[in-house]
């Protein structure tokens, strides 16, 4: 069924708004997936904060124009589903990677982050990005290490003196 002009404009505006707020994007060819399998993919995407939509290629090109995902325009060929990560940059990569493990018919075509388009071989790198909470905990661990070492260094002479006094006291007793 053909879309009316108003519907097309609304769809382009919606996808453009999502693309402007997104942190990363992935396109994948879904040819051969059943409706049930595709619904499962959509559910997983929704649960992980990923916007997933099948958009006509011409409309997708217009939607990403002027965003950091403009680099993907040349890749909009054939039946594609476009996924955008809105909260966590690696979420769309993890969803697509996990789903494509059990469904060979979902083939990742493009990965885009930071205004650059990458090939499907870089999906693993995107999926391996830590979540915000993981990144903060890694940062806190890195910051805590030198502080802990400093406290141990400052406390060591006193502790060594106390151990020496105790050893002398034990030797005289």
N, C-alpha and C. Protein backbone atom coordinates (compact mmCIF):
# COMPACT_ATOMS: atom_id res chain seq x y z
N UNK A 1 0.84 -1.17 0.00
CA UNK A 1 0.00 0.00 0.00
C UNK A 1 0.90 1.24 0.00
N UNK A 2 0.60 2.14 -0.88
CA UNK A 2 1.39 3.37 -1.00
C UNK A 2 1.05 4.34 0.12
N UNK A 3 2.06 5.06 0.56
CA UNK A 3 1.86 6.06 1.60
C UNK A 3 1.43 7.38 0.97
N UNK A 4 0.58 8.08 1.66
CA UNK A 4 0.20 9.42 1.20
C UNK A 4 1.35 10.38 1.52
N UNK A 5 1.36 11.51 0.86
CA UNK A 5 2.43 12.49 1.04
C UNK A 5 2.54 12.94 2.50
N UNK A 6 1.40 13.15 3.16
CA UNK A 6 1.42 13.58 4.57
C UNK A 6 2.04 12.50 5.46
N UNK A 7 1.71 11.22 5.15
CA UNK A 7 2.28 10.12 5.92
C UNK A 7 3.79 10.03 5.71
N UNK A 8 4.21 10.24 4.48
CA UNK A 8 5.65 10.21 4.18
C UNK A 8 6.38 11.32 4.92
N UNK A 9 5.81 12.51 4.92
CA UNK A 9 6.43 13.64 5.63
C UNK A 9 6.50 13.36 7.12
N UNK A 10 5.44 12.79 7.68
CA UNK A 10 5.42 12.48 9.11
C UNK A 10 6.47 11.42 9.44
N UNK A 11 6.60 10.41 8.58
CA UNK A 11 7.58 9.35 8.81
C UNK A 11 9.00 9.90 8.72
N UNK A 12 9.26 10.73 7.72
CA UNK A 12 10.59 11.33 7.58
C UNK A 12 10.90 12.20 8.79
N UNK A 13 9.93 12.96 9.26
CA UNK A 13 10.14 13.82 10.44
C UNK A 13 10.43 12.98 11.67
N UNK A 14 9.70 11.88 11.83
CA UNK A 14 9.90 11.00 13.00
C UNK A 14 11.29 10.38 12.98
N UNK A 15 11.66 9.79 11.85
CA UNK A 15 12.98 9.14 11.74
C UNK A 15 14.09 10.18 11.84
N UNK A 16 13.90 11.34 11.28
CA UNK A 16 14.90 12.41 11.36
C UNK A 16 15.10 12.86 12.81
N UNK A 17 14.00 12.98 13.56
CA UNK A 17 14.09 13.35 14.97
C UNK A 17 14.86 12.29 15.76
N UNK A 18 14.55 11.03 15.50
CA UNK A 18 15.25 9.94 16.19
C UNK A 18 16.73 9.94 15.81
N UNK A 19 17.03 10.11 14.53
CA UNK A 19 18.42 10.12 14.07
C UNK A 19 19.21 11.27 14.69
N UNK A 20 18.56 12.40 14.89
CA UNK A 20 19.24 13.55 15.49
C UNK A 20 19.60 13.29 16.94
N UNK A 21 18.81 12.47 17.64
CA UNK A 21 19.06 12.17 19.05
C UNK A 21 19.89 10.90 19.25
N UNK A 22 20.06 10.10 18.20
CA UNK A 22 20.68 8.79 18.33
C UNK A 22 22.19 8.88 18.52
N UNK A 23 22.74 7.85 19.15
CA UNK A 23 24.17 7.76 19.39
C UNK A 23 24.88 6.87 18.37
N UNK A 24 24.16 5.87 17.86
CA UNK A 24 24.71 4.98 16.84
C UNK A 24 23.56 4.40 16.03
N UNK A 25 23.90 3.84 14.88
CA UNK A 25 22.87 3.27 14.00
C UNK A 25 23.42 2.03 13.29
N UNK A 26 22.49 1.14 12.95
CA UNK A 26 22.83 -0.08 12.21
C UNK A 26 21.74 -0.31 11.18
N UNK A 27 22.14 -0.69 9.97
CA UNK A 27 21.16 -1.13 8.97
C UNK A 27 21.39 -2.61 8.73
N UNK A 28 20.29 -3.33 8.52
CA UNK A 28 20.38 -4.76 8.28
C UNK A 28 19.34 -5.18 7.25
N UNK A 29 19.72 -6.15 6.45
CA UNK A 29 18.78 -6.70 5.48
C UNK A 29 18.00 -7.81 6.17
N UNK A 30 16.69 -7.75 6.06
CA UNK A 30 15.82 -8.68 6.78
C UNK A 30 15.09 -9.64 5.86
N UNK A 31 15.47 -9.72 4.62
CA UNK A 31 14.79 -10.56 3.63
C UNK A 31 14.76 -12.01 4.10
N UNK A 32 13.55 -12.59 4.15
CA UNK A 32 13.41 -13.99 4.53
C UNK A 32 12.99 -14.20 5.98
N UNK A 33 12.99 -13.15 6.79
CA UNK A 33 12.53 -13.29 8.18
C UNK A 33 11.01 -13.37 8.20
N UNK A 34 10.48 -14.25 9.03
CA UNK A 34 9.03 -14.34 9.16
C UNK A 34 8.53 -13.18 10.03
N UNK A 35 7.23 -12.97 10.01
CA UNK A 35 6.64 -11.89 10.80
C UNK A 35 6.86 -12.14 12.29
N UNK A 36 6.80 -13.38 12.71
CA UNK A 36 7.01 -13.71 14.13
C UNK A 36 8.45 -13.40 14.53
N UNK A 37 9.40 -13.77 13.67
CA UNK A 37 10.81 -13.49 13.96
C UNK A 37 11.06 -11.98 14.01
N UNK A 38 10.45 -11.26 13.08
CA UNK A 38 10.64 -9.81 13.05
C UNK A 38 10.02 -9.15 14.28
N UNK A 39 8.87 -9.66 14.73
CA UNK A 39 8.25 -9.15 15.95
C UNK A 39 9.15 -9.40 17.16
N UNK A 40 9.83 -10.54 17.18
CA UNK A 40 10.77 -10.84 18.26
C UNK A 40 11.92 -9.84 18.24
N UNK A 41 12.44 -9.53 17.06
CA UNK A 41 13.51 -8.53 16.93
C UNK A 41 13.03 -7.17 17.43
N UNK A 42 11.83 -6.78 17.05
CA UNK A 42 11.29 -5.50 17.50
C UNK A 42 11.13 -5.46 19.02
N UNK A 43 10.68 -6.55 19.61
CA UNK A 43 10.51 -6.61 21.06
C UNK A 43 11.86 -6.47 21.77
N UNK A 44 12.87 -7.19 21.28
CA UNK A 44 14.21 -7.09 21.87
C UNK A 44 14.75 -5.66 21.74
N UNK A 45 14.52 -5.06 20.59
CA UNK A 45 14.99 -3.69 20.36
C UNK A 45 14.30 -2.73 21.33
N UNK A 46 13.00 -2.85 21.46
CA UNK A 46 12.24 -1.97 22.35
C UNK A 46 12.71 -2.13 23.80
N UNK A 47 12.98 -3.37 24.22
CA UNK A 47 13.42 -3.64 25.59
C UNK A 47 14.80 -3.06 25.87
N UNK A 48 15.59 -2.83 24.83
CA UNK A 48 16.96 -2.33 25.00
C UNK A 48 17.13 -0.87 24.61
N UNK A 49 16.04 -0.15 24.43
CA UNK A 49 16.12 1.27 24.10
C UNK A 49 16.59 1.56 22.69
N UNK A 50 16.23 0.68 21.77
CA UNK A 50 16.63 0.83 20.37
C UNK A 50 15.39 1.12 19.53
N UNK A 51 15.48 2.16 18.70
CA UNK A 51 14.40 2.50 17.77
C UNK A 51 14.65 1.71 16.50
N UNK A 52 13.70 0.86 16.12
CA UNK A 52 13.85 -0.01 14.97
C UNK A 52 12.70 0.27 14.01
N UNK A 53 13.00 0.50 12.73
CA UNK A 53 11.94 0.82 11.79
C UNK A 53 12.34 0.40 10.38
N UNK A 54 11.36 -0.12 9.64
CA UNK A 54 11.55 -0.39 8.22
C UNK A 54 11.06 0.85 7.49
N UNK A 55 11.96 1.47 6.73
CA UNK A 55 11.64 2.72 6.03
C UNK A 55 12.07 2.55 4.58
N UNK A 56 11.27 3.09 3.68
CA UNK A 56 11.67 3.07 2.27
C UNK A 56 13.00 3.81 2.14
N UNK A 57 13.83 3.32 1.24
CA UNK A 57 15.19 3.86 1.11
C UNK A 57 15.22 5.35 0.81
N UNK A 58 14.35 5.81 -0.07
CA UNK A 58 14.32 7.24 -0.40
C UNK A 58 13.96 8.07 0.82
N UNK A 59 12.98 7.59 1.58
CA UNK A 59 12.57 8.31 2.79
C UNK A 59 13.67 8.26 3.85
N UNK A 60 14.36 7.13 3.93
CA UNK A 60 15.46 7.00 4.90
C UNK A 60 16.59 7.97 4.56
N UNK A 61 16.89 8.10 3.27
CA UNK A 61 17.94 9.05 2.86
C UNK A 61 17.57 10.47 3.27
N UNK A 62 16.32 10.82 3.06
CA UNK A 62 15.87 12.17 3.44
C UNK A 62 15.89 12.34 4.95
N UNK A 63 15.55 11.30 5.68
CA UNK A 63 15.47 11.40 7.13
C UNK A 63 16.84 11.60 7.77
N UNK A 64 17.87 10.96 7.24
CA UNK A 64 19.19 11.07 7.86
C UNK A 64 19.98 12.26 7.32
N UNK A 65 19.47 12.93 6.31
CA UNK A 65 20.15 14.11 5.77
C UNK A 65 20.24 15.18 6.86
N UNK A 66 21.42 15.71 7.04
CA UNK A 66 21.63 16.75 8.04
C UNK A 66 21.90 16.22 9.43
N UNK A 67 22.00 14.91 9.58
CA UNK A 67 22.35 14.32 10.88
C UNK A 67 23.73 13.68 10.76
N UNK A 68 24.24 13.16 11.85
CA UNK A 68 25.56 12.53 11.79
C UNK A 68 25.51 11.18 11.07
N UNK A 69 24.32 10.71 10.73
CA UNK A 69 24.19 9.44 10.01
C UNK A 69 24.00 9.64 8.51
N UNK A 70 24.31 10.83 8.05
CA UNK A 70 24.24 11.14 6.63
C UNK A 70 25.22 10.26 5.85
N UNK A 71 26.24 9.79 6.52
CA UNK A 71 27.25 8.94 5.90
C UNK A 71 26.67 7.59 5.45
N UNK A 72 25.49 7.23 5.94
CA UNK A 72 24.87 5.95 5.61
C UNK A 72 24.02 6.02 4.34
N UNK A 73 23.82 7.18 3.78
CA UNK A 73 22.88 7.35 2.66
C UNK A 73 23.18 6.43 1.48
N UNK A 74 24.43 6.23 1.17
CA UNK A 74 24.79 5.39 0.03
C UNK A 74 24.46 3.92 0.27
N UNK A 75 24.29 3.54 1.52
CA UNK A 75 24.04 2.14 1.87
C UNK A 75 22.56 1.78 1.89
N UNK A 76 21.68 2.73 1.68
CA UNK A 76 20.24 2.44 1.69
C UNK A 76 19.83 1.85 0.35
N UNK A 77 20.08 0.56 0.20
CA UNK A 77 19.76 -0.18 -1.02
C UNK A 77 19.12 -1.50 -0.59
N UNK A 78 17.99 -1.83 -1.17
CA UNK A 78 17.32 -3.08 -0.87
C UNK A 78 16.46 -2.98 0.38
N UNK A 79 15.84 -4.09 0.75
CA UNK A 79 14.96 -4.08 1.93
C UNK A 79 15.78 -4.02 3.22
N UNK A 80 15.72 -2.90 3.91
CA UNK A 80 16.53 -2.70 5.10
C UNK A 80 15.67 -2.31 6.29
N UNK A 81 16.14 -2.70 7.45
CA UNK A 81 15.60 -2.20 8.70
C UNK A 81 16.69 -1.31 9.30
N UNK A 82 16.29 -0.18 9.83
CA UNK A 82 17.24 0.77 10.41
C UNK A 82 17.03 0.78 11.91
N UNK A 83 18.11 0.64 12.65
CA UNK A 83 18.04 0.68 14.11
C UNK A 83 18.91 1.81 14.65
N UNK A 84 18.36 2.57 15.59
CA UNK A 84 19.09 3.67 16.22
C UNK A 84 19.16 3.44 17.72
N UNK A 85 20.35 3.61 18.30
CA UNK A 85 20.52 3.56 19.76
C UNK A 85 20.27 4.94 20.32
N UNK A 86 19.34 5.03 21.25
CA UNK A 86 18.99 6.32 21.81
C UNK A 86 19.62 6.56 23.18
N UNK A 87 19.91 5.52 23.94
CA UNK A 87 20.42 5.68 25.30
C UNK A 87 21.86 5.20 25.44
N UNK A 88 22.17 4.07 24.83
CA UNK A 88 23.46 3.42 24.98
C UNK A 88 24.01 3.16 23.58
N UNK A 89 25.20 3.66 23.25
CA UNK A 89 25.71 3.51 21.88
C UNK A 89 25.83 2.07 21.41
N UNK A 90 26.11 1.15 22.31
CA UNK A 90 26.30 -0.24 21.92
C UNK A 90 25.03 -1.07 21.89
N UNK A 91 23.91 -0.51 22.31
CA UNK A 91 22.67 -1.29 22.42
C UNK A 91 22.21 -1.85 21.08
N UNK A 92 22.20 -1.02 20.05
CA UNK A 92 21.74 -1.50 18.74
C UNK A 92 22.68 -2.58 18.21
N UNK A 93 23.96 -2.45 18.48
CA UNK A 93 24.92 -3.47 18.06
C UNK A 93 24.69 -4.79 18.77
N UNK A 94 24.45 -4.72 20.08
CA UNK A 94 24.20 -5.95 20.84
C UNK A 94 22.91 -6.63 20.38
N UNK A 95 21.85 -5.84 20.17
CA UNK A 95 20.57 -6.42 19.73
C UNK A 95 20.73 -7.11 18.39
N UNK A 96 21.33 -6.43 17.43
CA UNK A 96 21.50 -7.00 16.09
C UNK A 96 22.43 -8.21 16.10
N UNK A 97 23.49 -8.13 16.87
CA UNK A 97 24.44 -9.24 16.94
C UNK A 97 23.79 -10.46 17.57
N UNK A 98 23.11 -10.27 18.69
CA UNK A 98 22.47 -11.40 19.37
C UNK A 98 21.38 -12.02 18.50
N UNK A 99 20.59 -11.18 17.85
CA UNK A 99 19.50 -11.71 17.04
C UNK A 99 20.03 -12.42 15.80
N UNK A 100 21.07 -11.89 15.18
CA UNK A 100 21.59 -12.50 13.96
C UNK A 100 22.30 -13.83 14.23
N UNK A 101 22.68 -14.09 15.48
CA UNK A 101 23.28 -15.39 15.80
C UNK A 101 22.29 -16.52 15.55
N UNK A 102 21.04 -16.32 15.94
CA UNK A 102 20.03 -17.36 15.76
C UNK A 102 19.24 -17.24 14.48
N UNK A 103 19.43 -16.16 13.74
CA UNK A 103 18.67 -15.93 12.51
C UNK A 103 19.63 -15.46 11.42
N UNK A 104 20.08 -16.40 10.60
CA UNK A 104 21.07 -16.09 9.57
C UNK A 104 20.51 -15.15 8.49
N UNK A 105 19.18 -15.05 8.41
CA UNK A 105 18.59 -14.22 7.36
C UNK A 105 18.68 -12.74 7.67
N UNK A 106 18.98 -12.38 8.90
CA UNK A 106 19.21 -10.97 9.24
C UNK A 106 20.70 -10.69 9.01
N UNK A 107 20.98 -9.90 7.99
CA UNK A 107 22.37 -9.63 7.60
C UNK A 107 22.66 -8.15 7.83
N UNK A 108 23.60 -7.86 8.71
CA UNK A 108 23.97 -6.48 8.99
C UNK A 108 24.73 -5.91 7.80
N UNK A 109 24.35 -4.72 7.38
CA UNK A 109 24.98 -4.09 6.22
C UNK A 109 25.88 -2.93 6.59
N UNK A 110 25.44 -2.07 7.52
CA UNK A 110 26.20 -0.87 7.86
C UNK A 110 26.11 -0.59 9.35
N UNK A 111 27.21 -0.11 9.90
CA UNK A 111 27.27 0.35 11.28
C UNK A 111 27.74 1.80 11.22
N UNK A 112 27.07 2.69 11.95
CA UNK A 112 27.47 4.10 11.93
C UNK A 112 27.56 4.64 13.35
N UNK A 113 28.68 5.29 13.63
CA UNK A 113 28.91 5.92 14.93
C UNK A 113 29.74 7.17 14.69
N UNK A 114 29.37 8.25 15.34
CA UNK A 114 30.17 9.47 15.29
C UNK A 114 30.36 10.06 13.90
N UNK A 115 29.37 9.92 13.04
CA UNK A 115 29.46 10.51 11.72
C UNK A 115 30.25 9.70 10.71
N UNK A 116 30.61 8.47 11.05
CA UNK A 116 31.35 7.61 10.12
C UNK A 116 30.61 6.30 9.95
N UNK A 117 30.57 5.82 8.73
CA UNK A 117 29.95 4.53 8.42
C UNK A 117 31.03 3.46 8.39
N UNK A 118 30.71 2.32 8.95
CA UNK A 118 31.62 1.18 8.99
C UNK A 118 30.92 -0.03 8.38
N UNK A 119 31.68 -1.03 8.06
CA UNK A 119 31.12 -2.24 7.49
C UNK A 119 30.57 -3.17 8.56
N UNK A 120 29.97 -4.26 8.14
CA UNK A 120 29.37 -5.19 9.10
C UNK A 120 30.40 -5.87 10.00
N UNK A 121 31.66 -5.90 9.59
CA UNK A 121 32.69 -6.52 10.41
C UNK A 121 32.93 -5.74 11.70
N UNK A 122 32.51 -4.49 11.76
CA UNK A 122 32.70 -3.67 12.95
C UNK A 122 31.53 -3.74 13.93
N UNK A 123 30.56 -4.60 13.65
CA UNK A 123 29.42 -4.76 14.56
C UNK A 123 29.88 -5.24 15.93
N UNK A 124 30.86 -6.14 15.96
CA UNK A 124 31.36 -6.65 17.24
C UNK A 124 31.97 -5.54 18.09
N UNK A 125 32.68 -4.62 17.45
CA UNK A 125 33.27 -3.50 18.19
C UNK A 125 32.19 -2.61 18.79
N UNK A 126 31.13 -2.36 18.03
CA UNK A 126 30.02 -1.55 18.54
C UNK A 126 29.31 -2.28 19.68
N UNK A 127 29.09 -3.58 19.51
CA UNK A 127 28.39 -4.35 20.53
C UNK A 127 29.21 -4.45 21.82
N UNK A 128 30.54 -4.34 21.71
CA UNK A 128 31.40 -4.46 22.88
C UNK A 128 31.52 -3.16 23.68
N UNK A 129 30.97 -2.07 23.16
CA UNK A 129 31.04 -0.81 23.90
C UNK A 129 30.33 -0.96 25.24
N UNK A 130 30.92 -0.44 26.31
CA UNK A 130 30.27 -0.57 27.62
C UNK A 130 29.04 0.34 27.73
N UNK A 131 28.13 -0.06 28.60
CA UNK A 131 26.98 0.80 28.88
C UNK A 131 27.47 1.98 29.70
N UNK A 132 26.62 2.94 29.92
CA UNK A 132 27.00 4.14 30.69
C UNK A 132 27.45 3.74 32.10
N UNK A 133 26.68 2.84 32.73
CA UNK A 133 27.01 2.42 34.09
C UNK A 133 28.35 1.68 34.13
N UNK A 134 28.59 0.82 33.13
CA UNK A 134 29.86 0.10 33.08
C UNK A 134 31.02 1.06 32.87
N UNK A 135 30.85 2.04 32.01
CA UNK A 135 31.92 3.02 31.76
C UNK A 135 32.21 3.84 33.00
N UNK A 136 31.16 4.24 33.72
CA UNK A 136 31.37 5.00 34.96
C UNK A 136 32.08 4.16 36.01
N UNK A 137 31.72 2.88 36.12
CA UNK A 137 32.39 2.04 37.12
C UNK A 137 33.85 1.82 36.74
N UNK A 138 34.14 1.69 35.44
CA UNK A 138 35.53 1.56 35.00
C UNK A 138 36.32 2.82 35.32
N UNK A 139 35.70 3.98 35.12
CA UNK A 139 36.35 5.26 35.42
C UNK A 139 36.61 5.38 36.92
N UNK A 140 35.62 5.02 37.72
CA UNK A 140 35.79 5.12 39.18
C UNK A 140 36.88 4.18 39.67
N UNK A 141 36.94 2.96 39.09
CA UNK A 141 38.01 2.03 39.47
C UNK A 141 39.37 2.60 39.11
N UNK A 142 39.48 3.20 37.94
CA UNK A 142 40.75 3.79 37.51
C UNK A 142 41.14 4.96 38.40
N UNK A 143 40.16 5.74 38.84
CA UNK A 143 40.45 6.88 39.72
C UNK A 143 40.76 6.42 41.14
N UNK A 144 40.16 5.33 41.56
CA UNK A 144 40.34 4.86 42.93
C UNK A 144 41.72 4.22 43.13
N UNK A 145 42.28 3.62 42.09
CA UNK A 145 43.57 2.93 42.20
C UNK A 145 44.69 3.80 42.75
N UNK A 146 44.98 4.95 42.15
CA UNK A 146 46.06 5.80 42.66
C UNK A 146 45.79 6.32 44.07
N UNK A 147 44.54 6.61 44.38
CA UNK A 147 44.21 7.11 45.73
C UNK A 147 44.48 6.02 46.76
N UNK A 148 44.06 4.80 46.46
CA UNK A 148 44.29 3.68 47.38
C UNK A 148 45.78 3.46 47.57
N UNK A 149 46.54 3.50 46.49
CA UNK A 149 47.99 3.31 46.58
C UNK A 149 48.63 4.42 47.41
N UNK A 150 48.18 5.66 47.26
CA UNK A 150 48.70 6.78 48.03
C UNK A 150 48.44 6.58 49.52
N UNK A 151 47.23 6.17 49.87
CA UNK A 151 46.89 5.95 51.28
C UNK A 151 47.76 4.84 51.86
N UNK A 152 47.97 3.77 51.12
CA UNK A 152 48.83 2.68 51.61
C UNK A 152 50.27 3.17 51.80
N UNK A 153 50.76 3.98 50.87
CA UNK A 153 52.12 4.50 50.96
C UNK A 153 52.28 5.40 52.18
N UNK A 154 51.29 6.24 52.43
CA UNK A 154 51.35 7.15 53.58
C UNK A 154 51.26 6.36 54.89
N UNK A 155 50.45 5.32 54.92
CA UNK A 155 50.22 4.57 56.16
C UNK A 155 51.34 3.55 56.43
N UNK A 156 52.10 3.17 55.44
CA UNK A 156 53.09 2.11 55.61
C UNK A 156 54.20 2.44 56.63
N UNK A 157 54.81 3.63 56.66
CA UNK A 157 55.86 3.88 57.67
C UNK A 157 55.34 3.72 59.10
N UNK A 158 54.12 4.20 59.36
CA UNK A 158 53.55 4.06 60.70
C UNK A 158 53.31 2.59 61.01
N UNK A 159 52.77 1.85 60.08
CA UNK A 159 52.51 0.43 60.30
C UNK A 159 53.81 -0.33 60.50
N UNK A 160 54.84 0.03 59.76
CA UNK A 160 56.13 -0.63 59.89
C UNK A 160 56.74 -0.32 61.27
N UNK A 161 56.61 0.92 61.74
CA UNK A 161 57.11 1.30 63.06
C UNK A 161 56.39 0.50 64.15
N UNK A 162 55.07 0.38 64.03
CA UNK A 162 54.29 -0.37 65.02
C UNK A 162 54.71 -1.84 65.02
N UNK A 163 54.93 -2.43 63.87
CA UNK A 163 55.37 -3.84 63.80
C UNK A 163 56.75 -4.00 64.43
N UNK A 164 57.64 -3.02 64.21
CA UNK A 164 58.98 -3.09 64.79
C UNK A 164 58.92 -3.01 66.31
N UNK A 165 58.12 -2.06 66.83
CA UNK A 165 57.97 -1.93 68.29
C UNK A 165 57.40 -3.21 68.88
N UNK A 166 56.43 -3.79 68.22
CA UNK A 166 55.81 -5.03 68.72
C UNK A 166 56.82 -6.17 68.70
N UNK A 167 57.66 -6.24 67.65
CA UNK A 167 58.67 -7.29 67.57
C UNK A 167 59.70 -7.13 68.69
N UNK A 168 60.09 -5.88 68.98
CA UNK A 168 61.04 -5.63 70.07
C UNK A 168 60.40 -6.00 71.41
N UNK A 169 59.14 -5.62 71.60
CA UNK A 169 58.43 -5.94 72.85
C UNK A 169 58.29 -7.44 73.01
N UNK A 170 58.01 -8.16 71.96
CA UNK A 170 57.88 -9.62 72.03
C UNK A 170 59.23 -10.27 72.32
N UNK A 171 60.30 -9.69 71.78
CA UNK A 171 61.63 -10.25 72.00
C UNK A 171 62.07 -10.05 73.45
N UNK A 172 61.72 -8.95 74.11
CA UNK A 172 62.11 -8.68 75.49
C UNK A 172 61.22 -9.42 76.48
N UNK A 173 60.05 -9.83 76.05
CA UNK A 173 59.11 -10.47 76.98
C UNK A 173 59.37 -11.93 77.15
